[in-house]
Amino acid sequence: VDFNLPQRFDITYVDANSEKKRPIMIHRAVLGSLERFFGVLIEHYAGDFPLWLSPVQGRILPVTDAQLEYCKDVANKLKKYGIRAEVCHGERLPKLIRNAEKQKIPLMAVVGAKEIETQTVTVRSRFGGELGTMPVDDFISRIKLAIENTTSL
């Protein structure tokens, strides 16, 4: 309900008694409201969304292209549990990590030869730093728990 615009634009109407009345405007902007809501969210978080809200929750980073297949398997397993994850490769590992941090990805899972042997991932969080090496199932459990509790990992 808008009481301001009719007054600002000096809008009136003539009622049944031939008197001038000021209307009350009712705005209906379903998409505009939704767009404003997302704008407020983006501004509030400055683009650095928490884990539960982030469009990409985790990025799997291979040390070399030799680990690419395992990374894809890990990403598919994460996606199976509803976790938004992607694999990023083609650059040197420090650049992949830097790019993920610049893009404000909450979680990074680094995979090298040692991780493939032990079926683990080495996890790095934007909010908590290095979290260490853990089995993929533990990684998934911790992410799911953090998402359910709307906390960071």
N, C-alpha and C. Protein backbone atom coordinates (compact mmCIF):
# COMPACT_ATOMS: atom_id res chain seq x y z
N VAL A 1 0.86 -1.17 0.00
CA VAL A 1 0.00 0.00 0.00
C VAL A 1 0.90 1.23 0.00
N ASP A 2 0.62 2.16 -0.89
CA ASP A 2 1.47 3.34 -1.05
C ASP A 2 0.65 4.61 -0.82
N PHE A 3 0.97 5.32 0.25
CA PHE A 3 0.29 6.58 0.55
C PHE A 3 1.09 7.77 -0.01
N ASN A 4 2.34 7.53 -0.37
CA ASN A 4 3.26 8.59 -0.76
C ASN A 4 3.08 9.05 -2.21
N LEU A 5 3.09 8.13 -3.15
CA LEU A 5 3.05 8.51 -4.57
C LEU A 5 1.81 9.30 -4.98
N PRO A 6 0.62 8.95 -4.53
CA PRO A 6 -0.54 9.78 -4.91
C PRO A 6 -0.38 11.24 -4.47
N GLN A 7 0.23 11.44 -3.32
CA GLN A 7 0.44 12.81 -2.85
C GLN A 7 1.54 13.49 -3.65
N ARG A 8 2.63 12.76 -3.92
CA ARG A 8 3.74 13.35 -4.68
C ARG A 8 3.31 13.77 -6.08
N PHE A 9 2.45 12.98 -6.71
CA PHE A 9 2.01 13.28 -8.07
C PHE A 9 0.67 14.04 -8.09
N ASP A 10 0.21 14.41 -6.91
CA ASP A 10 -1.03 15.17 -6.78
C ASP A 10 -2.18 14.48 -7.53
N ILE A 11 -2.34 13.21 -7.25
CA ILE A 11 -3.40 12.43 -7.90
C ILE A 11 -4.67 12.52 -7.05
N THR A 12 -5.77 12.80 -7.72
CA THR A 12 -7.06 12.84 -7.03
C THR A 12 -8.12 12.20 -7.92
N TYR A 13 -9.26 11.92 -7.32
CA TYR A 13 -10.41 11.46 -8.08
C TYR A 13 -11.65 12.11 -7.48
N VAL A 14 -12.73 12.08 -8.24
CA VAL A 14 -13.99 12.68 -7.78
C VAL A 14 -14.89 11.54 -7.34
N ASP A 15 -15.33 11.61 -6.07
CA ASP A 15 -16.17 10.53 -5.55
C ASP A 15 -17.64 10.75 -5.90
N ALA A 16 -18.52 9.94 -5.38
CA ALA A 16 -19.96 9.99 -5.69
C ALA A 16 -20.60 11.29 -5.22
N ASN A 17 -20.00 11.98 -4.25
CA ASN A 17 -20.52 13.25 -3.74
C ASN A 17 -19.87 14.45 -4.43
N SER A 18 -19.20 14.21 -5.55
CA SER A 18 -18.50 15.24 -6.32
C SER A 18 -17.40 15.94 -5.51
N GLU A 19 -16.79 15.21 -4.60
CA GLU A 19 -15.68 15.75 -3.83
C GLU A 19 -14.37 15.12 -4.29
N LYS A 20 -13.30 15.93 -4.28
CA LYS A 20 -11.99 15.40 -4.65
C LYS A 20 -11.42 14.60 -3.48
N LYS A 21 -10.94 13.41 -3.81
CA LYS A 21 -10.35 12.51 -2.80
C LYS A 21 -8.97 12.05 -3.28
N ARG A 22 -8.11 11.78 -2.32
CA ARG A 22 -6.78 11.26 -2.64
C ARG A 22 -6.84 9.73 -2.61
N PRO A 23 -6.47 9.07 -3.69
CA PRO A 23 -6.51 7.59 -3.70
C PRO A 23 -5.34 7.00 -2.90
N ILE A 24 -5.45 5.75 -2.61
CA ILE A 24 -4.35 4.97 -2.02
C ILE A 24 -3.92 3.98 -3.10
N MET A 25 -2.65 3.97 -3.43
CA MET A 25 -2.16 3.07 -4.47
C MET A 25 -1.78 1.72 -3.87
N ILE A 26 -2.10 0.69 -4.60
CA ILE A 26 -1.69 -0.65 -4.22
C ILE A 26 -0.76 -1.16 -5.31
N HIS A 27 0.48 -1.46 -4.93
CA HIS A 27 1.46 -1.98 -5.89
C HIS A 27 1.43 -3.51 -5.86
N ARG A 28 1.53 -4.07 -7.01
CA ARG A 28 1.66 -5.52 -7.12
C ARG A 28 2.77 -5.80 -8.12
N ALA A 29 3.89 -6.21 -7.60
CA ALA A 29 5.04 -6.48 -8.45
C ALA A 29 5.71 -7.75 -7.96
N VAL A 30 5.16 -8.88 -8.36
CA VAL A 30 5.66 -10.16 -7.88
C VAL A 30 7.13 -10.34 -8.26
N LEU A 31 7.45 -10.15 -9.53
CA LEU A 31 8.84 -10.32 -9.96
C LEU A 31 9.72 -9.20 -9.41
N GLY A 32 9.24 -8.01 -9.39
CA GLY A 32 10.03 -6.91 -8.85
C GLY A 32 10.38 -7.13 -7.40
N SER A 33 9.44 -7.67 -6.63
CA SER A 33 9.69 -7.96 -5.22
C SER A 33 10.74 -9.05 -5.08
N LEU A 34 10.64 -10.07 -5.90
CA LEU A 34 11.60 -11.16 -5.86
C LEU A 34 13.00 -10.66 -6.23
N GLU A 35 13.07 -9.82 -7.26
CA GLU A 35 14.36 -9.26 -7.66
C GLU A 35 14.94 -8.39 -6.56
N ARG A 36 14.11 -7.60 -5.91
CA ARG A 36 14.59 -6.78 -4.80
C ARG A 36 15.08 -7.65 -3.65
N PHE A 37 14.36 -8.73 -3.40
CA PHE A 37 14.76 -9.66 -2.34
C PHE A 37 16.15 -10.22 -2.61
N PHE A 38 16.39 -10.67 -3.84
CA PHE A 38 17.72 -11.20 -4.18
C PHE A 38 18.77 -10.10 -4.12
N GLY A 39 18.40 -8.90 -4.53
CA GLY A 39 19.33 -7.78 -4.44
C GLY A 39 19.73 -7.50 -3.00
N VAL A 40 18.76 -7.57 -2.10
CA VAL A 40 19.04 -7.35 -0.67
C VAL A 40 19.94 -8.47 -0.14
N LEU A 41 19.65 -9.72 -0.54
CA LEU A 41 20.49 -10.84 -0.10
C LEU A 41 21.93 -10.69 -0.58
N ILE A 42 22.09 -10.37 -1.86
CA ILE A 42 23.43 -10.22 -2.42
C ILE A 42 24.17 -9.08 -1.72
N GLU A 43 23.47 -7.98 -1.50
CA GLU A 43 24.09 -6.84 -0.83
C GLU A 43 24.43 -7.18 0.62
N HIS A 44 23.54 -7.86 1.29
CA HIS A 44 23.76 -8.21 2.70
C HIS A 44 25.01 -9.08 2.86
N TYR A 45 25.13 -10.10 2.02
CA TYR A 45 26.26 -11.01 2.12
C TYR A 45 27.47 -10.54 1.30
N ALA A 46 27.34 -9.44 0.58
CA ALA A 46 28.41 -8.92 -0.29
C ALA A 46 28.89 -10.02 -1.25
N GLY A 47 27.97 -10.86 -1.69
CA GLY A 47 28.30 -11.92 -2.63
C GLY A 47 28.97 -13.13 -1.98
N ASP A 48 29.31 -13.03 -0.70
CA ASP A 48 29.99 -14.11 0.02
C ASP A 48 28.94 -14.91 0.80
N PHE A 49 28.18 -15.71 0.06
CA PHE A 49 27.06 -16.43 0.65
C PHE A 49 27.52 -17.52 1.61
N PRO A 50 26.72 -17.78 2.63
CA PRO A 50 27.03 -18.91 3.52
C PRO A 50 26.86 -20.23 2.75
N LEU A 51 27.39 -21.27 3.31
CA LEU A 51 27.38 -22.58 2.65
C LEU A 51 25.99 -22.99 2.20
N TRP A 52 24.98 -22.85 3.04
CA TRP A 52 23.64 -23.34 2.72
C TRP A 52 22.99 -22.56 1.58
N LEU A 53 23.44 -21.33 1.32
CA LEU A 53 22.81 -20.48 0.32
C LEU A 53 23.64 -20.35 -0.97
N SER A 54 24.88 -20.69 -0.90
CA SER A 54 25.80 -20.49 -2.03
C SER A 54 25.36 -21.29 -3.27
N PRO A 55 25.42 -20.66 -4.45
CA PRO A 55 25.05 -21.39 -5.68
C PRO A 55 25.97 -22.59 -5.95
N VAL A 56 27.27 -22.44 -5.67
CA VAL A 56 28.21 -23.55 -5.74
C VAL A 56 28.74 -23.73 -4.33
N GLN A 57 28.43 -24.87 -3.73
CA GLN A 57 28.81 -25.09 -2.34
C GLN A 57 30.22 -25.65 -2.21
N GLY A 58 30.66 -26.40 -3.19
CA GLY A 58 31.99 -26.99 -3.13
C GLY A 58 32.61 -27.11 -4.51
N ARG A 59 33.91 -26.95 -4.54
CA ARG A 59 34.64 -27.11 -5.79
C ARG A 59 35.74 -28.14 -5.56
N ILE A 60 35.79 -29.14 -6.43
CA ILE A 60 36.78 -30.20 -6.34
C ILE A 60 37.95 -29.81 -7.25
N LEU A 61 39.17 -29.80 -6.69
CA LEU A 61 40.35 -29.33 -7.41
C LEU A 61 41.40 -30.42 -7.50
N PRO A 62 41.68 -30.94 -8.70
CA PRO A 62 42.75 -31.94 -8.84
C PRO A 62 44.12 -31.26 -8.87
N VAL A 63 45.12 -31.93 -8.28
CA VAL A 63 46.49 -31.41 -8.32
C VAL A 63 46.99 -31.45 -9.76
N THR A 64 46.72 -32.56 -10.45
CA THR A 64 47.04 -32.69 -11.87
C THR A 64 45.85 -33.31 -12.58
N ASP A 65 45.89 -33.36 -13.88
CA ASP A 65 44.79 -33.97 -14.64
C ASP A 65 44.70 -35.48 -14.42
N ALA A 66 45.72 -36.09 -13.83
CA ALA A 66 45.69 -37.53 -13.54
C ALA A 66 44.61 -37.85 -12.52
N GLN A 67 44.25 -36.88 -11.68
CA GLN A 67 43.23 -37.11 -10.65
C GLN A 67 41.83 -36.69 -11.10
N LEU A 68 41.68 -36.31 -12.34
CA LEU A 68 40.42 -35.75 -12.83
C LEU A 68 39.24 -36.72 -12.71
N GLU A 69 39.43 -37.98 -13.02
CA GLU A 69 38.33 -38.95 -12.96
C GLU A 69 37.83 -39.13 -11.53
N TYR A 70 38.76 -39.22 -10.58
CA TYR A 70 38.36 -39.35 -9.18
C TYR A 70 37.60 -38.11 -8.73
N CYS A 71 38.05 -36.94 -9.17
CA CYS A 71 37.37 -35.68 -8.84
C CYS A 71 35.94 -35.68 -9.36
N LYS A 72 35.76 -36.15 -10.57
CA LYS A 72 34.41 -36.23 -11.15
C LYS A 72 33.53 -37.19 -10.36
N ASP A 73 34.13 -38.30 -9.90
CA ASP A 73 33.37 -39.26 -9.08
C ASP A 73 32.94 -38.62 -7.77
N VAL A 74 33.86 -37.87 -7.14
CA VAL A 74 33.54 -37.19 -5.87
C VAL A 74 32.42 -36.17 -6.10
N ALA A 75 32.53 -35.38 -7.18
CA ALA A 75 31.51 -34.37 -7.48
C ALA A 75 30.15 -35.02 -7.72
N ASN A 76 30.14 -36.12 -8.44
CA ASN A 76 28.87 -36.83 -8.69
C ASN A 76 28.27 -37.37 -7.40
N LYS A 77 29.12 -37.84 -6.50
CA LYS A 77 28.64 -38.33 -5.20
C LYS A 77 28.04 -37.18 -4.39
N LEU A 78 28.69 -36.03 -4.41
CA LEU A 78 28.16 -34.86 -3.71
C LEU A 78 26.82 -34.45 -4.29
N LYS A 79 26.73 -34.42 -5.61
CA LYS A 79 25.49 -34.02 -6.28
C LYS A 79 24.35 -35.00 -5.96
N LYS A 80 24.70 -36.27 -5.83
CA LYS A 80 23.71 -37.29 -5.49
C LYS A 80 23.03 -36.97 -4.16
N TYR A 81 23.76 -36.32 -3.26
CA TYR A 81 23.21 -35.94 -1.95
C TYR A 81 22.68 -34.51 -1.94
N GLY A 82 22.53 -33.91 -3.11
CA GLY A 82 21.94 -32.58 -3.20
C GLY A 82 22.91 -31.44 -2.90
N ILE A 83 24.19 -31.74 -2.91
CA ILE A 83 25.20 -30.71 -2.64
C ILE A 83 25.66 -30.15 -3.98
N ARG A 84 25.63 -28.84 -4.12
CA ARG A 84 25.99 -28.19 -5.37
C ARG A 84 27.51 -28.12 -5.48
N ALA A 85 28.07 -28.98 -6.34
CA ALA A 85 29.52 -29.08 -6.46
C ALA A 85 29.92 -29.12 -7.93
N GLU A 86 31.18 -28.74 -8.17
CA GLU A 86 31.71 -28.77 -9.53
C GLU A 86 33.20 -29.09 -9.46
N VAL A 87 33.72 -29.56 -10.58
CA VAL A 87 35.16 -29.83 -10.72
C VAL A 87 35.75 -28.72 -11.55
N CYS A 88 36.89 -28.22 -11.11
CA CYS A 88 37.58 -27.17 -11.85
C CYS A 88 39.01 -27.63 -12.06
N HIS A 89 39.50 -27.57 -13.31
CA HIS A 89 40.85 -28.03 -13.62
C HIS A 89 41.40 -27.22 -14.79
N GLY A 90 42.61 -27.56 -15.20
CA GLY A 90 43.20 -26.90 -16.36
C GLY A 90 44.22 -25.83 -16.00
N GLU A 91 44.36 -25.53 -14.72
CA GLU A 91 45.33 -24.54 -14.25
C GLU A 91 46.18 -25.20 -13.17
N ARG A 92 47.21 -24.50 -12.74
CA ARG A 92 48.00 -24.99 -11.62
C ARG A 92 47.17 -24.85 -10.34
N LEU A 93 47.41 -25.74 -9.38
CA LEU A 93 46.61 -25.79 -8.16
C LEU A 93 46.54 -24.45 -7.42
N PRO A 94 47.65 -23.73 -7.23
CA PRO A 94 47.51 -22.44 -6.53
C PRO A 94 46.56 -21.46 -7.22
N LYS A 95 46.54 -21.48 -8.54
CA LYS A 95 45.62 -20.60 -9.27
C LYS A 95 44.17 -21.07 -9.12
N LEU A 96 43.96 -22.38 -9.12
CA LEU A 96 42.61 -22.92 -8.91
C LEU A 96 42.08 -22.51 -7.54
N ILE A 97 42.94 -22.60 -6.52
CA ILE A 97 42.54 -22.21 -5.16
C ILE A 97 42.25 -20.71 -5.11
N ARG A 98 43.13 -19.92 -5.70
CA ARG A 98 42.94 -18.46 -5.70
C ARG A 98 41.64 -18.08 -6.41
N ASN A 99 41.39 -18.71 -7.56
CA ASN A 99 40.14 -18.42 -8.30
C ASN A 99 38.91 -18.79 -7.48
N ALA A 100 38.95 -19.92 -6.79
CA ALA A 100 37.81 -20.34 -5.96
C ALA A 100 37.60 -19.35 -4.82
N GLU A 101 38.69 -18.87 -4.24
CA GLU A 101 38.56 -17.88 -3.16
C GLU A 101 38.01 -16.56 -3.68
N LYS A 102 38.48 -16.14 -4.86
CA LYS A 102 37.97 -14.89 -5.45
C LYS A 102 36.48 -15.01 -5.78
N GLN A 103 36.06 -16.20 -6.22
CA GLN A 103 34.66 -16.43 -6.56
C GLN A 103 33.82 -16.78 -5.34
N LYS A 104 34.45 -16.76 -4.18
CA LYS A 104 33.79 -16.95 -2.88
C LYS A 104 33.08 -18.30 -2.76
N ILE A 105 33.75 -19.34 -3.24
CA ILE A 105 33.24 -20.71 -3.10
C ILE A 105 33.50 -21.14 -1.65
N PRO A 106 32.47 -21.56 -0.91
CA PRO A 106 32.66 -21.88 0.51
C PRO A 106 33.64 -23.02 0.80
N LEU A 107 33.61 -24.09 -0.02
CA LEU A 107 34.45 -25.25 0.25
C LEU A 107 35.26 -25.66 -0.98
N MET A 108 36.51 -26.03 -0.74
CA MET A 108 37.36 -26.58 -1.79
C MET A 108 37.87 -27.93 -1.31
N ALA A 109 37.84 -28.91 -2.18
CA ALA A 109 38.38 -30.23 -1.87
C ALA A 109 39.52 -30.50 -2.84
N VAL A 110 40.73 -30.57 -2.31
CA VAL A 110 41.92 -30.79 -3.14
C VAL A 110 42.18 -32.29 -3.21
N VAL A 111 42.46 -32.76 -4.43
CA VAL A 111 42.69 -34.19 -4.65
C VAL A 111 44.02 -34.39 -5.34
N GLY A 112 44.89 -35.17 -4.68
CA GLY A 112 46.17 -35.56 -5.26
C GLY A 112 46.26 -37.08 -5.30
N ALA A 113 47.44 -37.58 -5.60
CA ALA A 113 47.63 -39.03 -5.69
C ALA A 113 47.37 -39.70 -4.35
N LYS A 114 47.80 -39.06 -3.25
CA LYS A 114 47.61 -39.64 -1.91
C LYS A 114 46.12 -39.77 -1.58
N GLU A 115 45.33 -38.76 -1.97
CA GLU A 115 43.90 -38.80 -1.70
C GLU A 115 43.21 -39.92 -2.48
N ILE A 116 43.67 -40.17 -3.70
CA ILE A 116 43.07 -41.27 -4.48
C ILE A 116 43.37 -42.61 -3.82
N GLU A 117 44.62 -42.79 -3.37
CA GLU A 117 45.01 -44.05 -2.71
C GLU A 117 44.16 -44.31 -1.47
N THR A 118 43.91 -43.27 -0.69
CA THR A 118 43.18 -43.44 0.57
C THR A 118 41.69 -43.15 0.46
N GLN A 119 41.22 -42.81 -0.77
CA GLN A 119 39.81 -42.49 -1.01
C GLN A 119 39.34 -41.37 -0.08
N THR A 120 40.12 -40.27 -0.06
CA THR A 120 39.83 -39.13 0.78
C THR A 120 39.88 -37.84 -0.03
N VAL A 121 39.63 -36.73 0.62
CA VAL A 121 39.82 -35.39 0.03
C VAL A 121 40.43 -34.50 1.12
N THR A 122 41.23 -33.53 0.70
CA THR A 122 41.78 -32.56 1.63
C THR A 122 40.93 -31.30 1.49
N VAL A 123 40.30 -30.90 2.59
CA VAL A 123 39.27 -29.87 2.54
C VAL A 123 39.79 -28.54 3.06
N ARG A 124 39.39 -27.50 2.35
CA ARG A 124 39.71 -26.13 2.74
C ARG A 124 38.40 -25.34 2.73
N SER A 125 38.15 -24.62 3.81
CA SER A 125 36.94 -23.82 3.93
C SER A 125 37.28 -22.34 3.87
N ARG A 126 36.43 -21.57 3.20
CA ARG A 126 36.64 -20.11 3.18
C ARG A 126 36.52 -19.51 4.57
N PHE A 127 35.70 -20.14 5.39
CA PHE A 127 35.41 -19.58 6.71
C PHE A 127 36.28 -20.19 7.81
N GLY A 128 36.71 -21.45 7.61
CA GLY A 128 37.46 -22.13 8.67
C GLY A 128 38.88 -22.50 8.32
N GLY A 129 39.34 -22.15 7.13
CA GLY A 129 40.71 -22.50 6.71
C GLY A 129 40.85 -23.97 6.40
N GLU A 130 42.06 -24.50 6.61
CA GLU A 130 42.34 -25.91 6.33
C GLU A 130 41.60 -26.79 7.33
N LEU A 131 40.83 -27.75 6.82
CA LEU A 131 40.09 -28.67 7.68
C LEU A 131 40.70 -30.05 7.71
N GLY A 132 41.73 -30.27 6.91
CA GLY A 132 42.42 -31.55 6.90
C GLY A 132 41.88 -32.53 5.88
N THR A 133 42.43 -33.73 5.93
CA THR A 133 42.05 -34.79 5.02
C THR A 133 41.00 -35.66 5.68
N MET A 134 39.98 -36.00 4.90
CA MET A 134 38.89 -36.82 5.45
C MET A 134 38.30 -37.70 4.35
N PRO A 135 37.70 -38.83 4.74
CA PRO A 135 37.01 -39.66 3.75
C PRO A 135 35.86 -38.89 3.10
N VAL A 136 35.55 -39.23 1.89
CA VAL A 136 34.51 -38.52 1.14
C VAL A 136 33.17 -38.59 1.87
N ASP A 137 32.85 -39.75 2.44
CA ASP A 137 31.56 -39.88 3.15
C ASP A 137 31.50 -38.96 4.37
N ASP A 138 32.62 -38.80 5.08
CA ASP A 138 32.65 -37.87 6.21
C ASP A 138 32.48 -36.43 5.72
N PHE A 139 33.10 -36.11 4.61
CA PHE A 139 32.98 -34.79 4.01
C PHE A 139 31.52 -34.49 3.68
N ILE A 140 30.85 -35.45 3.07
CA ILE A 140 29.43 -35.30 2.72
C ILE A 140 28.59 -35.13 3.99
N SER A 141 28.84 -35.95 5.00
CA SER A 141 28.08 -35.86 6.25
C SER A 141 28.24 -34.50 6.90
N ARG A 142 29.47 -33.99 6.91
CA ARG A 142 29.72 -32.69 7.54
C ARG A 142 29.03 -31.56 6.76
N ILE A 143 29.05 -31.66 5.43
CA ILE A 143 28.38 -30.64 4.61
C ILE A 143 26.88 -30.69 4.86
N LYS A 144 26.29 -31.88 4.83
CA LYS A 144 24.85 -32.01 5.05
C LYS A 144 24.45 -31.47 6.41
N LEU A 145 25.24 -31.75 7.44
CA LEU A 145 24.94 -31.27 8.78
C LEU A 145 25.04 -29.74 8.84
N ALA A 146 26.07 -29.19 8.20
CA ALA A 146 26.23 -27.73 8.19
C ALA A 146 25.08 -27.06 7.44
N ILE A 147 24.64 -27.66 6.35
CA ILE A 147 23.53 -27.10 5.57
C ILE A 147 22.23 -27.16 6.39
N GLU A 148 21.99 -28.29 7.04
CA GLU A 148 20.77 -28.44 7.85
C GLU A 148 20.74 -27.42 9.00
N ASN A 149 21.89 -27.15 9.58
CA ASN A 149 21.97 -26.21 10.72
C ASN A 149 22.29 -24.78 10.29
N THR A 150 22.35 -24.54 8.99
CA THR A 150 22.71 -23.24 8.42
C THR A 150 23.95 -22.63 9.09
N THR A 151 24.99 -23.47 9.19
CA THR A 151 26.27 -23.03 9.73
C THR A 151 27.34 -23.24 8.67
N SER A 152 28.54 -22.78 8.96
CA SER A 152 29.64 -23.01 8.03
C SER A 152 30.41 -24.24 8.46
N LEU A 153 31.20 -24.79 7.57
CA LEU A 153 31.98 -26.00 7.84
C LEU A 153 33.34 -25.61 8.36
